[in-house]
All heavy atoms as atom14 arrays in JSON, in Angstrom:
{
  "sequence": "SSGIVGLTLVNGVVTQVAVGGAPDPNVRAYLATDPT",
  "atom14_mask": [
    [1, 1, 1, 1, 1, 1, 0, 0, 0, 0, 0, 0, 0, 0],
    [1, 1, 1, 1, 1, 1, 0, 0, 0, 0, 0, 0, 0, 0],
    [1, 1, 1, 1, 0, 0, 0, 0, 0, 0, 0, 0, 0, 0],
    [1, 1, 1, 1, 1, 1, 1, 1, 0, 0, 0, 0, 0, 0],
    [1, 1, 1, 1, 1, 1, 1, 0, 0, 0, 0, 0, 0, 0],
    [1, 1, 1, 1, 0, 0, 0, 0, 0, 0, 0, 0, 0, 0],
    [1, 1, 1, 1, 1, 1, 1, 1, 0, 0, 0, 0, 0, 0],
    [1, 1, 1, 1, 1, 1, 1, 0, 0, 0, 0, 0, 0, 0],
    [1, 1, 1, 1, 1, 1, 1, 1, 0, 0, 0, 0, 0, 0],
    [1, 1, 1, 1, 1, 1, 1, 0, 0, 0, 0, 0, 0, 0],
    [1, 1, 1, 1, 1, 1, 1, 1, 0, 0, 0, 0, 0, 0],
    [1, 1, 1, 1, 0, 0, 0, 0, 0, 0, 0, 0, 0, 0],
    [1, 1, 1, 1, 1, 1, 1, 0, 0, 0, 0, 0, 0, 0],
    [1, 1, 1, 1, 1, 1, 1, 0, 0, 0, 0, 0, 0, 0],
    [1, 1, 1, 1, 1, 1, 1, 0, 0, 0, 0, 0, 0, 0],
    [1, 1, 1, 1, 1, 1, 1, 1, 1, 0, 0, 0, 0, 0],
    [1, 1, 1, 1, 1, 1, 1, 0, 0, 0, 0, 0, 0, 0],
    [1, 1, 1, 1, 1, 0, 0, 0, 0, 0, 0, 0, 0, 0],
    [1, 1, 1, 1, 1, 1, 1, 0, 0, 0, 0, 0, 0, 0],
    [1, 1, 1, 1, 0, 0, 0, 0, 0, 0, 0, 0, 0, 0],
    [1, 1, 1, 1, 0, 0, 0, 0, 0, 0, 0, 0, 0, 0],
    [1, 1, 1, 1, 1, 0, 0, 0, 0, 0, 0, 0, 0, 0],
    [1, 1, 1, 1, 1, 1, 1, 0, 0, 0, 0, 0, 0, 0],
    [1, 1, 1, 1, 1, 1, 1, 1, 0, 0, 0, 0, 0, 0],
    [1, 1, 1, 1, 1, 1, 1, 0, 0, 0, 0, 0, 0, 0],
    [1, 1, 1, 1, 1, 1, 1, 1, 0, 0, 0, 0, 0, 0],
    [1, 1, 1, 1, 1, 1, 1, 0, 0, 0, 0, 0, 0, 0],
    [1, 1, 1, 1, 1, 1, 1, 1, 1, 1, 1, 0, 0, 0],
    [1, 1, 1, 1, 1, 0, 0, 0, 0, 0, 0, 0, 0, 0],
    [1, 1, 1, 1, 1, 1, 1, 1, 1, 1, 1, 1, 0, 0],
    [1, 1, 1, 1, 1, 1, 1, 1, 0, 0, 0, 0, 0, 0],
    [1, 1, 1, 1, 1, 0, 0, 0, 0, 0, 0, 0, 0, 0],
    [1, 1, 1, 1, 1, 1, 1, 0, 0, 0, 0, 0, 0, 0],
    [1, 1, 1, 1, 1, 1, 1, 1, 0, 0, 0, 0, 0, 0],
    [1, 1, 1, 1, 1, 1, 1, 0, 0, 0, 0, 0, 0, 0],
    [1, 1, 1, 1, 1, 1, 1, 0, 0, 0, 0, 0, 0, 0]
  ],
  "atom14_positions": [
    [[0.23, 3.3, 51.65], [1.65, 3.6, 51.9], [2.27, 2.49, 52.67], [1.57, 1.61, 53.27], [1.81, 4.91, 52.61], [1.39, 4.82, 53.97], [0.0, 0.0, 0.0], [0.0, 0.0, 0.0], [0.0, 0.0, 0.0], [0.0, 0.0, 0.0], [0.0, 0.0, 0.0], [0.0, 0.0, 0.0], [0.0, 0.0, 0.0], [0.0, 0.0, 0.0]],
    [[3.6, 2.51, 52.79], [4.35, 1.47, 53.49], [5.52, 2.11, 54.23], [6.13, 3.06, 53.75], [4.84, 0.45, 52.49], [5.75, -0.47, 53.12], [0.0, 0.0, 0.0], [0.0, 0.0, 0.0], [0.0, 0.0, 0.0], [0.0, 0.0, 0.0], [0.0, 0.0, 0.0], [0.0, 0.0, 0.0], [0.0, 0.0, 0.0], [0.0, 0.0, 0.0]],
    [[5.82, 1.51, 55.32], [7.07, 1.84, 56.02], [8.23, 1.04, 55.46], [8.06, 0.26, 54.5], [0.0, 0.0, 0.0], [0.0, 0.0, 0.0], [0.0, 0.0, 0.0], [0.0, 0.0, 0.0], [0.0, 0.0, 0.0], [0.0, 0.0, 0.0], [0.0, 0.0, 0.0], [0.0, 0.0, 0.0], [0.0, 0.0, 0.0], [0.0, 0.0, 0.0]],
    [[9.4, 1.13, 56.08], [10.53, 0.39, 55.56], [11.35, -0.2, 56.71], [11.22, 0.2, 57.87], [11.5, 1.32, 54.74], [11.94, 2.53, 55.6], [10.89, 1.72, 53.44], [13.05, 3.35, 55.0], [0.0, 0.0, 0.0], [0.0, 0.0, 0.0], [0.0, 0.0, 0.0], [0.0, 0.0, 0.0], [0.0, 0.0, 0.0], [0.0, 0.0, 0.0]],
    [[12.15, -1.22, 56.39], [13.19, -1.77, 57.27], [14.49, -1.7, 56.51], [14.49, -1.78, 55.29], [12.83, -3.18, 57.74], [11.65, -3.2, 58.62], [12.69, -4.15, 56.56], [0.0, 0.0, 0.0], [0.0, 0.0, 0.0], [0.0, 0.0, 0.0], [0.0, 0.0, 0.0], [0.0, 0.0, 0.0], [0.0, 0.0, 0.0], [0.0, 0.0, 0.0]],
    [[15.57, -1.61, 57.28], [16.91, -1.63, 56.65], [17.39, -3.05, 56.55], [17.01, -3.89, 57.33], [0.0, 0.0, 0.0], [0.0, 0.0, 0.0], [0.0, 0.0, 0.0], [0.0, 0.0, 0.0], [0.0, 0.0, 0.0], [0.0, 0.0, 0.0], [0.0, 0.0, 0.0], [0.0, 0.0, 0.0], [0.0, 0.0, 0.0], [0.0, 0.0, 0.0]],
    [[18.23, -3.25, 55.53], [18.85, -4.6, 55.34], [20.32, -4.46, 55.53], [20.95, -3.57, 54.93], [18.51, -5.16, 53.94], [17.03, -5.39, 53.63], [16.85, -5.9, 52.2], [16.41, -6.34, 54.59], [0.0, 0.0, 0.0], [0.0, 0.0, 0.0], [0.0, 0.0, 0.0], [0.0, 0.0, 0.0], [0.0, 0.0, 0.0], [0.0, 0.0, 0.0]],
    [[20.87, -5.35, 56.3], [22.33, -5.38, 56.57], [22.86, -6.81, 56.58], [22.05, -7.73, 56.71], [22.66, -4.64, 57.85], [24.04, -4.47, 58.0], [22.06, -5.32, 59.06], [0.0, 0.0, 0.0], [0.0, 0.0, 0.0], [0.0, 0.0, 0.0], [0.0, 0.0, 0.0], [0.0, 0.0, 0.0], [0.0, 0.0, 0.0], [0.0, 0.0, 0.0]],
    [[24.13, -6.97, 56.5], [24.75, -8.34, 56.62], [25.27, -8.51, 58.02], [26.06, -7.72, 58.53], [25.89, -8.48, 55.6], [25.5, -8.67, 54.14], [26.73, -8.69, 53.28], [24.7, -9.96, 53.98], [0.0, 0.0, 0.0], [0.0, 0.0, 0.0], [0.0, 0.0, 0.0], [0.0, 0.0, 0.0], [0.0, 0.0, 0.0], [0.0, 0.0, 0.0]],
    [[24.86, -9.6, 58.66], [25.37, -9.99, 59.97], [25.88, -11.4, 59.81], [25.1, -12.37, 59.58], [24.24, -9.89, 61.07], [24.82, -10.39, 62.39], [23.73, -8.5, 61.16], [0.0, 0.0, 0.0], [0.0, 0.0, 0.0], [0.0, 0.0, 0.0], [0.0, 0.0, 0.0], [0.0, 0.0, 0.0], [0.0, 0.0, 0.0], [0.0, 0.0, 0.0]],
    [[27.17, -11.57, 59.92], [27.83, -12.9, 59.75], [27.43, -13.51, 58.39], [27.15, -14.71, 58.33], [27.49, -13.82, 60.91], [28.02, -13.28, 62.22], [29.06, -12.65, 62.27], [27.28, -13.52, 63.28], [0.0, 0.0, 0.0], [0.0, 0.0, 0.0], [0.0, 0.0, 0.0], [0.0, 0.0, 0.0], [0.0, 0.0, 0.0], [0.0, 0.0, 0.0]],
    [[27.37, -12.75, 57.36], [27.05, -13.27, 56.03], [25.56, -13.5, 55.79], [25.23, -14.01, 54.74], [0.0, 0.0, 0.0], [0.0, 0.0, 0.0], [0.0, 0.0, 0.0], [0.0, 0.0, 0.0], [0.0, 0.0, 0.0], [0.0, 0.0, 0.0], [0.0, 0.0, 0.0], [0.0, 0.0, 0.0], [0.0, 0.0, 0.0], [0.0, 0.0, 0.0]],
    [[24.72, -13.13, 56.75], [23.27, -13.37, 56.61], [22.59, -12.03, 56.49], [22.81, -11.13, 57.29], [22.71, -14.14, 57.82], [21.19, -14.34, 57.72], [23.4, -15.49, 57.96], [0.0, 0.0, 0.0], [0.0, 0.0, 0.0], [0.0, 0.0, 0.0], [0.0, 0.0, 0.0], [0.0, 0.0, 0.0], [0.0, 0.0, 0.0], [0.0, 0.0, 0.0]],
    [[21.68, -11.9, 55.48], [20.89, -10.64, 55.36], [19.93, -10.56, 56.53], [19.14, -11.48, 56.78], [20.14, -10.63, 54.03], [19.24, -9.4, 53.9], [21.09, -10.65, 52.83], [0.0, 0.0, 0.0], [0.0, 0.0, 0.0], [0.0, 0.0, 0.0], [0.0, 0.0, 0.0], [0.0, 0.0, 0.0], [0.0, 0.0, 0.0], [0.0, 0.0, 0.0]],
    [[20.0, -9.45, 57.23], [19.18, -9.24, 58.43], [18.45, -7.93, 58.38], [18.98, -6.94, 57.88], [20.12, -9.23, 59.7], [20.93, -10.41, 59.66], [19.33, -9.17, 60.95], [0.0, 0.0, 0.0], [0.0, 0.0, 0.0], [0.0, 0.0, 0.0], [0.0, 0.0, 0.0], [0.0, 0.0, 0.0], [0.0, 0.0, 0.0], [0.0, 0.0, 0.0]],
    [[17.23, -7.93, 58.83], [16.39, -6.72, 58.88], [16.7, -5.96, 60.14], [16.78, -6.54, 61.21], [14.91, -7.02, 58.8], [14.47, -7.63, 57.51], [12.97, -7.87, 57.47], [12.23, -7.49, 58.36], [12.53, -8.54, 56.42], [0.0, 0.0, 0.0], [0.0, 0.0, 0.0], [0.0, 0.0, 0.0], [0.0, 0.0, 0.0], [0.0, 0.0, 0.0]],
    [[16.82, -4.6, 60.01], [17.04, -3.74, 61.17], [16.06, -2.56, 61.09], [15.68, -2.15, 60.0], [18.52, -3.23, 61.26], [19.47, -4.36, 61.51], [18.91, -2.46, 60.03], [0.0, 0.0, 0.0], [0.0, 0.0, 0.0], [0.0, 0.0, 0.0], [0.0, 0.0, 0.0], [0.0, 0.0, 0.0], [0.0, 0.0, 0.0], [0.0, 0.0, 0.0]],
    [[15.67, -2.05, 62.23], [14.78, -0.93, 62.26], [15.5, 0.34, 61.73], [16.71, 0.48, 61.93], [14.27, -0.67, 63.69], [0.0, 0.0, 0.0], [0.0, 0.0, 0.0], [0.0, 0.0, 0.0], [0.0, 0.0, 0.0], [0.0, 0.0, 0.0], [0.0, 0.0, 0.0], [0.0, 0.0, 0.0], [0.0, 0.0, 0.0], [0.0, 0.0, 0.0]],
    [[14.75, 1.19, 61.07], [15.31, 2.47, 60.59], [14.98, 3.54, 61.64], [13.8, 3.83, 61.87], [14.71, 2.82, 59.2], [15.25, 4.16, 58.73], [15.02, 1.73, 58.18], [0.0, 0.0, 0.0], [0.0, 0.0, 0.0], [0.0, 0.0, 0.0], [0.0, 0.0, 0.0], [0.0, 0.0, 0.0], [0.0, 0.0, 0.0], [0.0, 0.0, 0.0]],
    [[16.0, 4.12, 62.22], [15.79, 5.11, 63.28], [15.91, 6.5, 62.78], [15.77, 6.81, 61.64], [0.0, 0.0, 0.0], [0.0, 0.0, 0.0], [0.0, 0.0, 0.0], [0.0, 0.0, 0.0], [0.0, 0.0, 0.0], [0.0, 0.0, 0.0], [0.0, 0.0, 0.0], [0.0, 0.0, 0.0], [0.0, 0.0, 0.0], [0.0, 0.0, 0.0]],
    [[16.29, 7.39, 63.75], [16.38, 8.83, 63.46], [17.74, 9.21, 62.82], [17.84, 10.31, 62.34], [0.0, 0.0, 0.0], [0.0, 0.0, 0.0], [0.0, 0.0, 0.0], [0.0, 0.0, 0.0], [0.0, 0.0, 0.0], [0.0, 0.0, 0.0], [0.0, 0.0, 0.0], [0.0, 0.0, 0.0], [0.0, 0.0, 0.0], [0.0, 0.0, 0.0]],
    [[18.68, 8.31, 62.88], [19.99, 8.59, 62.24], [20.4, 7.45, 61.33], [19.95, 6.32, 61.56], [21.02, 8.81, 63.32], [0.0, 0.0, 0.0], [0.0, 0.0, 0.0], [0.0, 0.0, 0.0], [0.0, 0.0, 0.0], [0.0, 0.0, 0.0], [0.0, 0.0, 0.0], [0.0, 0.0, 0.0], [0.0, 0.0, 0.0], [0.0, 0.0, 0.0]],
    [[21.16, 7.72, 60.32], [21.49, 6.68, 59.38], [22.4, 5.6, 60.04], [23.27, 5.97, 60.89], [22.2, 7.34, 58.24], [22.57, 8.71, 58.74], [21.7, 8.98, 59.83], [0.0, 0.0, 0.0], [0.0, 0.0, 0.0], [0.0, 0.0, 0.0], [0.0, 0.0, 0.0], [0.0, 0.0, 0.0], [0.0, 0.0, 0.0], [0.0, 0.0, 0.0]],
    [[22.21, 4.34, 59.74], [22.99, 3.28, 60.2], [24.01, 2.95, 59.1], [23.59, 2.59, 58.01], [22.13, 2.05, 60.49], [22.86, 0.87, 61.05], [24.12, 0.87, 60.94], [22.23, -0.04, 61.56], [0.0, 0.0, 0.0], [0.0, 0.0, 0.0], [0.0, 0.0, 0.0], [0.0, 0.0, 0.0], [0.0, 0.0, 0.0], [0.0, 0.0, 0.0]],
    [[25.33, 3.08, 59.36], [26.3, 2.86, 58.3], [26.37, 1.42, 57.77], [26.85, 1.12, 56.71], [27.64, 3.2, 58.95], [27.41, 3.22, 60.39], [25.93, 3.46, 60.61], [0.0, 0.0, 0.0], [0.0, 0.0, 0.0], [0.0, 0.0, 0.0], [0.0, 0.0, 0.0], [0.0, 0.0, 0.0], [0.0, 0.0, 0.0], [0.0, 0.0, 0.0]],
    [[25.72, 0.47, 58.54], [25.68, -0.93, 58.11], [24.56, -1.24, 57.14], [24.56, -2.33, 56.55], [25.62, -1.83, 59.33], [26.85, -1.65, 60.22], [27.98, -1.53, 59.73], [26.63, -1.59, 61.53], [0.0, 0.0, 0.0], [0.0, 0.0, 0.0], [0.0, 0.0, 0.0], [0.0, 0.0, 0.0], [0.0, 0.0, 0.0], [0.0, 0.0, 0.0]],
    [[23.58, -0.35, 57.03], [22.47, -0.65, 56.15], [22.9, -0.5, 54.73], [23.49, 0.46, 54.27], [21.27, 0.35, 56.45], [20.19, 0.22, 55.4], [20.68, 0.05, 57.81], [0.0, 0.0, 0.0], [0.0, 0.0, 0.0], [0.0, 0.0, 0.0], [0.0, 0.0, 0.0], [0.0, 0.0, 0.0], [0.0, 0.0, 0.0], [0.0, 0.0, 0.0]],
    [[22.63, -1.53, 53.94], [23.05, -1.57, 52.55], [21.85, -1.43, 51.55], [22.01, -1.12, 50.4], [23.74, -2.94, 52.21], [24.97, -3.11, 53.0], [26.03, -2.07, 52.54], [27.21, -2.18, 53.34], [27.62, -1.24, 54.11], [27.01, -0.1, 54.19], [28.77, -1.39, 54.83], [0.0, 0.0, 0.0], [0.0, 0.0, 0.0], [0.0, 0.0, 0.0]],
    [[20.62, -1.59, 52.09], [19.42, -1.46, 51.26], [18.24, -1.29, 52.16], [18.31, -1.53, 53.39], [19.25, -2.68, 50.34], [0.0, 0.0, 0.0], [0.0, 0.0, 0.0], [0.0, 0.0, 0.0], [0.0, 0.0, 0.0], [0.0, 0.0, 0.0], [0.0, 0.0, 0.0], [0.0, 0.0, 0.0], [0.0, 0.0, 0.0], [0.0, 0.0, 0.0]],
    [[17.09, -0.92, 51.54], [15.87, -0.78, 52.29], [14.81, -1.68, 51.72], [14.81, -1.93, 50.5], [15.33, 0.68, 52.33], [16.27, 1.61, 53.02], [17.08, 2.44, 52.29], [16.33, 1.64, 54.39], [17.97, 3.34, 52.94], [17.16, 2.49, 55.05], [18.0, 3.32, 54.36], [18.84, 4.17, 54.97], [0.0, 0.0, 0.0], [0.0, 0.0, 0.0]],
    [[13.93, -2.2, 52.55], [12.84, -3.08, 52.09], [11.49, -2.52, 52.56], [11.35, -2.23, 53.77], [13.03, -4.49, 52.65], [11.99, -5.52, 52.38], [12.0, -5.88, 50.89], [12.22, -6.78, 53.2], [0.0, 0.0, 0.0], [0.0, 0.0, 0.0], [0.0, 0.0, 0.0], [0.0, 0.0, 0.0], [0.0, 0.0, 0.0], [0.0, 0.0, 0.0]],
    [[10.57, -2.37, 51.62], [9.23, -1.87, 51.96], [8.51, -3.01, 52.78], [8.55, -4.18, 52.35], [8.44, -1.53, 50.74], [0.0, 0.0, 0.0], [0.0, 0.0, 0.0], [0.0, 0.0, 0.0], [0.0, 0.0, 0.0], [0.0, 0.0, 0.0], [0.0, 0.0, 0.0], [0.0, 0.0, 0.0], [0.0, 0.0, 0.0], [0.0, 0.0, 0.0]],
    [[7.84, -2.62, 53.84], [7.09, -3.65, 54.62], [5.84, -4.06, 53.87], [5.33, -5.14, 54.07], [6.68, -3.07, 56.0], [6.01, -1.84, 55.8], [7.96, -2.86, 56.84], [0.0, 0.0, 0.0], [0.0, 0.0, 0.0], [0.0, 0.0, 0.0], [0.0, 0.0, 0.0], [0.0, 0.0, 0.0], [0.0, 0.0, 0.0], [0.0, 0.0, 0.0]],
    [[5.32, -3.24, 52.95], [4.25, -3.6, 52.05], [4.63, -3.23, 50.63], [4.44, -2.09, 50.2], [2.95, -2.86, 52.49], [1.78, -3.18, 51.58], [1.92, -4.03, 50.65], [0.72, -2.58, 51.72], [0.0, 0.0, 0.0], [0.0, 0.0, 0.0], [0.0, 0.0, 0.0], [0.0, 0.0, 0.0], [0.0, 0.0, 0.0], [0.0, 0.0, 0.0]],
    [[5.17, -4.19, 49.87], [5.66, -3.88, 48.51], [4.54, -3.55, 47.51], [4.84, -3.07, 46.42], [6.42, -5.1, 48.07], [5.9, -6.2, 48.94], [5.44, -5.59, 50.18], [0.0, 0.0, 0.0], [0.0, 0.0, 0.0], [0.0, 0.0, 0.0], [0.0, 0.0, 0.0], [0.0, 0.0, 0.0], [0.0, 0.0, 0.0], [0.0, 0.0, 0.0]],
    [[3.28, -3.71, 47.88], [2.17, -3.39, 46.96], [1.69, -1.95, 47.16], [0.78, -1.51, 46.47], [0.99, -4.37, 47.15], [0.48, -4.19, 48.53], [1.44, -5.81, 46.92], [0.0, 0.0, 0.0], [0.0, 0.0, 0.0], [0.0, 0.0, 0.0], [0.0, 0.0, 0.0], [0.0, 0.0, 0.0], [0.0, 0.0, 0.0], [0.0, 0.0, 0.0]]
  ]
}
């Protein structure tokens, strides 16, 4: 299994953010930490 990180735009740059207990309105997608 794999955890995830959120992806958001910060000054036009895709940035990873931790996924917490509440949704972050800036998260536009999720990325698996282990895609396999």
